[in-house]
Protein backbone atom coordinates (compact mmCIF):
# COMPACT_ATOMS: atom_id res chain seq x y z
CA MET A 1 -11.44 25.26 15.22
CA LYS A 2 -14.77 23.48 14.47
CA ILE A 3 -14.07 19.64 13.52
CA LEU A 4 -16.76 17.50 11.95
CA LEU A 5 -17.36 13.78 12.81
CA LEU A 6 -16.07 11.20 10.69
CA CYS A 7 -19.35 10.94 8.61
CA LEU A 8 -22.67 12.41 9.41
CA CYS A 9 -24.15 9.60 7.25
CA CYS A 10 -23.68 6.66 4.76
CA LEU A 11 -25.44 6.31 1.88
CA PRO A 12 -26.58 3.04 0.85
CA LEU A 13 -25.52 1.01 -2.43
CA SER A 14 -27.96 -0.94 -4.08
CA ALA A 15 -26.63 -4.30 -3.00
CA SER A 16 -24.55 -6.70 -5.69
CA GLU A 17 -24.20 -3.75 -7.95
CA TRP A 18 -20.90 -2.11 -9.38
CA ILE A 19 -21.30 1.99 -9.31
CA SER A 20 -18.83 3.96 -10.85
CA LEU A 21 -17.22 6.66 -8.53
CA PHE A 22 -15.51 8.22 -11.47
CA ASN A 23 -17.30 9.41 -14.53
CA GLY A 24 -14.76 9.67 -16.94
CA LYS A 25 -15.66 13.56 -17.65
CA ASP A 26 -14.68 15.94 -14.30
CA LEU A 27 -14.32 15.48 -10.76
CA SER A 28 -18.25 15.26 -9.84
CA GLY A 29 -18.50 13.40 -6.66
CA TRP A 30 -14.82 14.37 -5.16
CA THR A 31 -13.71 17.12 -3.33
CA PRO A 32 -9.95 18.44 -3.35
CA LYS A 33 -8.05 19.00 -0.44
CA ILE A 34 -4.39 20.37 -0.98
CA THR A 35 -2.00 21.28 2.54
CA GLY A 36 -1.91 25.00 2.56
CA HIS A 37 -5.15 25.57 0.35
CA PRO A 38 -8.82 25.75 1.34
CA VAL A 39 -10.99 22.58 0.63
CA GLY A 40 -12.21 22.59 -2.59
CA GLU A 41 -9.88 24.01 -4.24
CA ASN A 42 -8.16 22.33 -7.13
CA SER A 43 -4.80 24.19 -6.70
CA PHE A 44 -2.26 23.95 -10.17
CA ASP A 45 -5.22 22.11 -11.86
CA THR A 46 -3.57 19.44 -9.75
CA PHE A 47 -6.64 16.77 -10.40
CA ARG A 48 -7.91 16.19 -13.76
CA VAL A 49 -9.46 14.12 -16.27
CA GLU A 50 -8.06 13.57 -19.97
CA ASP A 51 -9.05 10.74 -22.07
CA GLY A 52 -11.43 9.36 -19.41
CA ILE A 53 -8.48 9.16 -17.09
CA LEU A 54 -8.50 10.76 -13.63
CA LYS A 55 -4.56 11.83 -13.61
CA CYS A 56 -2.77 13.43 -11.05
CA GLU A 57 -0.37 15.71 -12.07
CA TYR A 58 2.71 18.24 -11.11
CA ASP A 59 3.38 20.11 -14.74
CA ARG A 60 1.50 23.65 -13.46
CA TYR A 61 3.67 23.51 -10.04
CA PRO A 62 6.47 26.13 -9.63
CA LYS A 63 7.60 23.87 -6.75
CA PHE A 64 6.03 20.79 -4.83
CA ASN A 65 6.64 23.20 -1.60
CA GLY A 66 4.97 20.01 0.48
CA GLN A 67 2.03 20.67 -0.95
CA PHE A 68 0.27 16.82 -0.66
CA GLY A 69 -3.12 16.57 -1.95
CA HIS A 70 -5.76 14.30 -1.77
CA LEU A 71 -9.18 14.00 -3.63
CA TYR A 72 -12.29 12.65 -1.59
CA SER A 73 -15.21 10.75 -1.99
CA ASN A 74 -18.24 13.10 -0.93
CA LEU A 75 -19.85 10.39 0.31
CA ALA A 76 -18.69 7.92 3.19
CA TYR A 77 -18.78 4.35 3.08
CA SER A 78 -18.90 1.31 5.84
CA HIS A 79 -19.11 -1.89 3.94
CA TYR A 80 -17.94 -2.48 0.70
CA ILE A 81 -15.49 -3.65 -2.08
CA LEU A 82 -13.79 -0.71 -3.76
CA ARG A 83 -12.09 -1.92 -7.32
CA MET A 84 -9.74 0.28 -9.33
CA GLU A 85 -6.53 0.61 -11.61
CA TYR A 86 -3.73 2.71 -10.98
CA LYS A 87 -0.51 3.66 -13.20
CA PHE A 88 2.63 6.05 -12.50
CA SER A 89 3.52 8.53 -14.76
CA GLY A 90 6.76 10.64 -15.46
CA GLU A 91 8.89 11.57 -12.53
CA LYS A 92 8.27 13.10 -8.95
CA MET A 93 8.97 16.66 -8.10
CA PRO A 94 12.71 17.46 -7.52
CA ASP A 95 11.90 19.31 -4.12
CA ALA A 96 9.61 16.25 -2.98
CA PRO A 97 10.71 13.89 -0.56
CA GLY A 98 12.36 11.00 -1.84
CA TYR A 99 10.05 8.70 -0.27
CA VAL A 100 7.38 9.73 -2.91
CA ASN A 101 9.20 8.47 -5.85
CA LEU A 102 6.72 5.80 -7.54
CA ASN A 103 4.58 6.14 -4.42
CA SER A 104 0.66 7.22 -4.52
CA GLY A 105 -2.14 5.38 -2.70
CA VAL A 106 -6.04 5.37 -2.05
CA MET A 107 -7.05 6.30 1.58
CA VAL A 108 -10.22 4.61 3.40
CA HIS A 109 -12.30 5.21 6.55
CA SER A 110 -10.75 8.76 6.20
CA GLN A 111 -11.69 11.84 7.85
CA PRO A 112 -13.39 14.10 5.85
CA PRO A 113 -11.56 16.97 4.27
CA GLN A 114 -14.05 19.62 6.10
CA SER A 115 -12.42 18.40 9.27
CA MET A 116 -8.89 18.87 8.53
CA SER A 117 -6.66 22.04 9.20
CA LEU A 118 -5.35 24.22 6.49
CA GLU A 119 -1.54 22.94 6.55
CA GLN A 120 -2.55 19.12 7.54
CA GLY A 121 -0.88 17.01 4.75
CA PHE A 122 -2.46 13.82 5.35
CA PRO A 123 -5.90 12.75 6.47
CA VAL A 124 -6.10 10.47 9.79
CA SER A 125 -7.04 7.24 7.41
CA ILE A 126 -6.19 3.87 6.52
CA GLU A 127 -4.20 3.64 3.05
CA PHE A 128 -3.67 1.06 0.62
CA GLN A 129 -0.45 2.09 -0.32
CA PHE A 130 0.69 1.82 -4.53
CA LEU A 131 4.73 1.57 -5.27
CA ALA A 132 6.39 0.24 -8.36
CA ASP A 133 9.83 -1.17 -9.12
CA GLU A 134 12.68 0.90 -8.27
CA ALA A 135 15.10 -1.36 -9.65
CA LYS A 136 16.54 -1.45 -5.93
CA GLY A 137 15.20 -4.78 -4.44
CA PRO A 138 11.94 -5.89 -3.22
CA ARG A 139 8.90 -3.19 -3.54
CA PRO A 140 5.71 -4.58 -2.85
CA THR A 141 2.62 -2.22 -4.02
CA GLY A 142 -0.42 -3.38 -1.73
CA ASN A 143 0.97 -2.07 1.81
CA VAL A 144 -1.05 -0.63 4.51
CA CYS A 145 -0.25 2.77 5.77
CA THR A 146 -1.95 4.08 8.87
CA PRO A 147 -1.54 8.06 9.57
CA GLY A 148 -3.39 8.81 12.81
CA THR A 149 -4.54 5.06 12.78
CA ASN A 150 -3.65 1.55 14.11
CA ILE A 151 -4.91 -1.67 13.16
CA GLU A 152 -4.51 -5.47 14.46
CA ILE A 153 -3.42 -8.54 12.84
CA GLU A 154 -4.79 -11.81 14.50
CA GLY A 155 -5.34 -10.21 17.67
CA LYS A 156 -2.16 -8.15 17.82
CA LEU A 157 -2.35 -4.30 18.09
CA ILE A 158 0.05 -3.14 15.15
CA THR A 159 1.16 0.55 15.90
CA GLN A 160 3.71 0.50 13.22
CA HIS A 161 2.75 2.96 10.11
CA ILE A 162 3.44 0.42 7.42
CA VAL A 163 3.06 -3.32 7.32
CA GLU A 164 4.37 -4.65 4.03
CA SER A 165 2.14 -7.37 1.45
CA THR A 166 2.97 -10.02 -0.30
CA SER A 167 2.76 -8.51 -3.78
CA PRO A 168 5.50 -8.72 -5.67
CA ASN A 169 7.26 -5.83 -7.80
CA TYR A 170 5.24 -4.10 -10.84
CA PRO A 171 6.71 -1.82 -13.32
CA ALA A 172 5.86 1.89 -12.91
CA ASP A 173 4.22 2.02 -16.40
CA GLN A 174 2.18 -0.83 -16.22
CA TRP A 175 -1.67 -0.70 -15.34
CA ILE A 176 -2.31 -2.66 -11.91
CA GLN A 177 -5.74 -3.42 -10.56
CA ILE A 178 -6.42 -3.24 -7.06
CA GLU A 179 -9.14 -3.81 -4.63
CA MET A 180 -9.92 -3.71 -1.37
CA VAL A 181 -13.00 -5.57 0.85
CA VAL A 182 -13.92 -2.86 3.46
CA ARG A 183 -16.11 -4.82 6.26
CA GLY A 184 -16.71 -1.51 8.67
CA ASP A 185 -14.40 -1.92 11.51
CA GLU A 186 -14.01 -5.66 11.39
CA GLU A 187 -11.58 -6.33 8.38
CA ILE A 188 -9.88 -5.00 6.03
CA ILE A 189 -8.44 -7.13 2.71
CA HIS A 190 -6.06 -5.75 -0.02
CA ARG A 191 -6.36 -7.57 -3.47
CA VAL A 192 -3.53 -6.76 -6.17
CA ASN A 193 -4.30 -8.04 -9.82
CA GLY A 194 -6.62 -10.55 -8.19
CA LYS A 195 -4.54 -12.31 -5.83
CA GLU A 196 -4.92 -11.41 -1.87
CA VAL A 197 -1.62 -9.62 -0.44
CA LEU A 198 -2.55 -8.61 2.96
CA ARG A 199 -5.41 -8.91 5.40
CA TYR A 200 -5.93 -7.21 8.88
CA GLN A 201 -8.93 -6.15 11.65
CA LYS A 202 -9.84 -3.58 13.74
CA PRO A 203 -8.84 -0.18 11.94
CA GLN A 204 -8.83 2.30 14.40
CA LEU A 205 -7.65 5.90 15.54
CA ASP A 206 -4.31 6.06 17.38
CA PRO A 207 -4.72 7.73 20.82
CA LYS A 208 -1.24 8.69 20.83
CA GLY A 209 -1.46 10.45 17.32
CA ALA A 210 2.00 9.19 16.65
CA VAL A 211 2.04 9.92 12.98
CA ILE A 212 -0.69 12.37 12.62
CA SER A 213 -2.19 13.94 15.45
CA THR A 214 -5.73 12.42 16.63
CA LYS A 215 -6.58 14.93 19.16
CA GLU A 216 -9.11 17.24 17.55
CA LEU A 217 -10.92 13.99 16.25
CA PHE A 218 -11.46 12.79 19.82
CA GLU A 219 -12.28 16.18 21.31
CA ALA A 220 -14.98 16.15 18.31
CA GLY A 221 -16.50 13.14 19.82
CA ALA A 222 -14.95 10.35 17.21
CA PRO A 223 -14.92 7.08 18.45
CA LEU A 224 -11.91 5.25 18.70
CA SER A 225 -13.24 2.62 16.44
CA LEU A 226 -13.33 3.30 12.71
CA LYS A 227 -16.63 2.04 11.17
CA PHE A 228 -16.55 4.01 7.90
CA GLY A 229 -15.24 7.09 6.55
CA HIS A 230 -14.30 8.73 2.91
CA ILE A 231 -12.31 7.43 0.28
CA ALA A 232 -9.36 9.55 -0.89
CA LEU A 233 -6.76 9.75 -3.71
CA GLN A 234 -3.62 10.46 -3.10
CA ALA A 235 -1.20 13.02 -4.55
CA GLU A 236 2.14 13.29 -2.82
CA GLY A 237 4.41 14.96 -5.65
CA GLN A 238 4.50 11.69 -7.92
CA PRO A 239 2.24 12.06 -10.71
CA VAL A 240 -0.25 8.81 -11.25
CA TRP A 241 -3.39 7.97 -13.08
CA PHE A 242 -6.47 6.24 -12.20
CA ARG A 243 -9.21 4.81 -14.19
CA ASN A 244 -12.31 2.10 -13.65
CA ILE A 245 -13.34 3.74 -9.93
CA LYS A 246 -16.10 1.19 -8.78
CA ILE A 247 -17.80 0.00 -5.58
CA LYS A 248 -20.32 -2.48 -4.46
CA GLN A 249 -21.98 -2.65 -1.20
CA LEU A 250 -21.60 -5.86 0.36
CA GLU A 251 -24.41 -8.53 0.95
CA ALA A 252 -25.62 -8.99 4.41
CA SER A 253 -23.86 -12.60 4.36
CA GLU A 254 -20.42 -10.82 3.30
CA ILE A 255 -20.33 -8.23 5.81
CA SER A 256 -18.92 -10.66 8.53
CA SER A 257 -15.28 -12.15 7.83
CA PRO A 258 -15.38 -15.80 7.03
CA LYS A 259 -14.56 -18.24 9.58
CA LYS A 260 -10.98 -19.43 9.12
């Protein structure tokens, strides 16, 4: 299988200008990839636009059947601020895994969908996880998940798949604003409703491929350090809505993380 590099080029954004990645009308600028289906096929109309909202829906699925999906930005990015709002809708598919209940997310520094195998469920990436309250105790949103990747926190390599944020619980039917400050391979910051909830450094591929195999990416020449990649909205069996998806390039003075 021919594997593409993580990115062939990164189109620069206009400094200090917020740019909408979603036009509120259609999926222009985005490419779907759903497990078991070819790149570009929006199976069962999973991703659709209604009333200016980008929705992930499952009402046309006969069964979920492990068909995890993602909607990828056509361009890759490196140093930027990503901002959007999300809200959960309805219930997860009955045959979807229990952990996907009120669970979704946005991936950054993602491999391109063209580099994924037909049956690959998740892209090698860094995920800002979206969760909602299940009334079973603390369930913070804004965690980081690391499919095929590792991170560092204060100089320590972190290989566990999920690191929890300090965010409080939020109800499923509430619009939540999230923000990611992405400084290439230096640092990533998570914010929820305007407050910082998590900060980590040095996003990188996992040489061991503990969660997702990274062997083919390394064989294709991908470097260990994740400096850039695509943005991907997640569809893993739970209906979820997205809106106000915007991006802004960091100014030169903002690219390096502030000294503490």
